[in-house]
Amino acid sequence: MHVTISTDSYPDKHYQGWIGYISPSAEFTPKSVETTEVRSDLVYQVRVFTCDTRNELRLGMPATVTIPLDQSPPPANRNNMTTCDKS
C-alpha cells in the first residue's frame, strides 16, 4: 500500500513510501478503548519504507503517515515489491 509521509522538520515536503509490514496483533490498547464500538482504535506496529534520496529522514524522527483507505493491498508476492529508483 502506498502512503504519504510528512514531518515537523520539513513541513512543506511530502515523501512517498509504502507499507512493508503490519503487525498481526495490537501493540497495546489505549485507555480510550474500552468498548466494542471503539475497538478499531487499537494500536498496531507498522513498518513504512520510503525512497529518501536526500537522506533527510532519520531513524526515530517523528512523522505522520497518511494511508489512503480507498486502495487495495497488492497481492503478497515478492515480484510485486516496490523498489526505489536509484537515479
Protein backbone atom coordinates (compact mmCIF):
# COMPACT_ATOMS: atom_id res chain seq x y z
CA MET A 1 0.00 0.00 0.00
CA HIS A 2 1.34 3.40 -0.95
CA VAL A 3 1.49 6.14 1.69
CA THR A 4 2.44 9.80 2.06
CA ILE A 5 4.88 10.80 4.81
CA SER A 6 5.30 14.25 6.37
CA THR A 7 7.41 15.51 9.28
CA ASP A 8 7.56 18.58 11.51
CA SER A 9 11.20 19.07 10.48
CA TYR A 10 10.24 19.54 6.81
CA PRO A 11 6.60 20.73 6.91
CA ASP A 12 6.49 21.68 3.22
CA LYS A 13 7.82 18.35 1.97
CA HIS A 14 5.89 15.14 1.45
CA TYR A 15 7.64 11.84 0.88
CA GLN A 16 6.18 8.85 -0.92
CA GLY A 17 6.51 5.43 0.64
CA TRP A 18 4.87 2.07 1.11
CA ILE A 19 3.85 -0.21 3.95
CA GLY A 20 6.17 -3.18 4.23
CA TYR A 21 4.76 -4.75 7.40
CA ILE A 22 1.70 -4.57 9.63
CA SER A 23 1.77 -6.45 12.93
CA PRO A 24 -0.91 -9.16 13.16
CA SER A 25 -1.62 -8.21 16.79
CA ALA A 26 -2.15 -4.94 18.62
CA GLU A 27 0.85 -3.50 20.46
CA PHE A 28 -1.28 -2.13 23.29
CA THR A 29 -4.77 -0.91 23.89
CA PRO A 30 -5.04 2.80 24.66
CA LYS A 31 -7.08 3.68 27.74
CA SER A 32 -9.71 5.19 25.46
CA VAL A 33 -10.51 1.73 24.00
CA GLU A 34 -12.97 0.25 26.44
CA THR A 35 -15.99 -0.72 24.38
CA THR A 36 -16.60 -2.85 21.31
CA GLU A 37 -17.66 0.28 19.39
CA VAL A 38 -14.15 1.78 19.56
CA ARG A 39 -12.04 -1.36 19.13
CA SER A 40 -10.89 -0.04 15.76
CA ASP A 41 -8.72 2.39 17.75
CA LEU A 42 -6.22 -0.33 18.69
CA VAL A 43 -2.57 0.49 18.02
CA TYR A 44 -0.61 -1.70 15.58
CA GLN A 45 3.06 -1.59 14.67
CA VAL A 46 3.52 -0.61 11.02
CA ARG A 47 6.82 -0.54 9.12
CA VAL A 48 6.94 2.12 6.39
CA PHE A 49 9.64 2.34 3.71
CA THR A 50 10.49 5.40 1.64
CA CYS A 51 12.90 6.46 -1.07
CA ASP A 52 14.50 9.47 0.61
CA THR A 53 17.27 10.21 -1.88
CA ARG A 54 18.40 13.31 0.04
CA ASN A 55 18.71 11.41 3.36
CA GLU A 56 16.55 13.99 5.14
CA LEU A 57 14.61 11.42 7.15
CA ARG A 58 16.26 9.91 10.22
CA LEU A 59 15.55 6.83 12.29
CA GLY A 60 13.33 7.82 15.22
CA MET A 61 12.20 11.10 13.63
CA PRO A 62 8.51 11.72 14.39
CA ALA A 63 6.45 11.51 11.22
CA THR A 64 2.84 11.46 10.10
CA VAL A 65 1.93 8.72 7.65
CA THR A 66 -1.24 9.12 5.59
CA ILE A 67 -2.73 5.87 4.29
CA PRO A 68 -5.40 6.28 1.59
CA LEU A 69 -8.09 3.82 2.56
CA ASP A 70 -9.55 3.59 -0.95
CA GLN A 71 -6.68 1.47 -2.32
CA SER A 72 -6.48 -2.31 -2.39
CA PRO A 73 -3.43 -4.01 -0.93
CA PRO A 74 -1.22 -5.68 -3.54
CA PRO A 75 -1.05 -9.47 -3.54
CA ALA A 76 1.56 -10.86 -1.16
CA ASN A 77 4.16 -11.66 -3.79
CA ARG A 78 7.86 -10.77 -3.87
CA ASN A 79 7.54 -9.91 -7.58
CA ASN A 80 5.22 -7.02 -6.64
CA MET A 81 7.61 -5.36 -4.18
CA THR A 82 8.13 -1.63 -4.51
CA THR A 83 11.72 -0.53 -5.07
CA CYS A 84 13.48 2.81 -5.12
CA ASP A 85 14.65 4.43 -8.32
CA LYS A 86 18.41 4.85 -7.84
CA SER A 87 18.79 7.58 -10.47
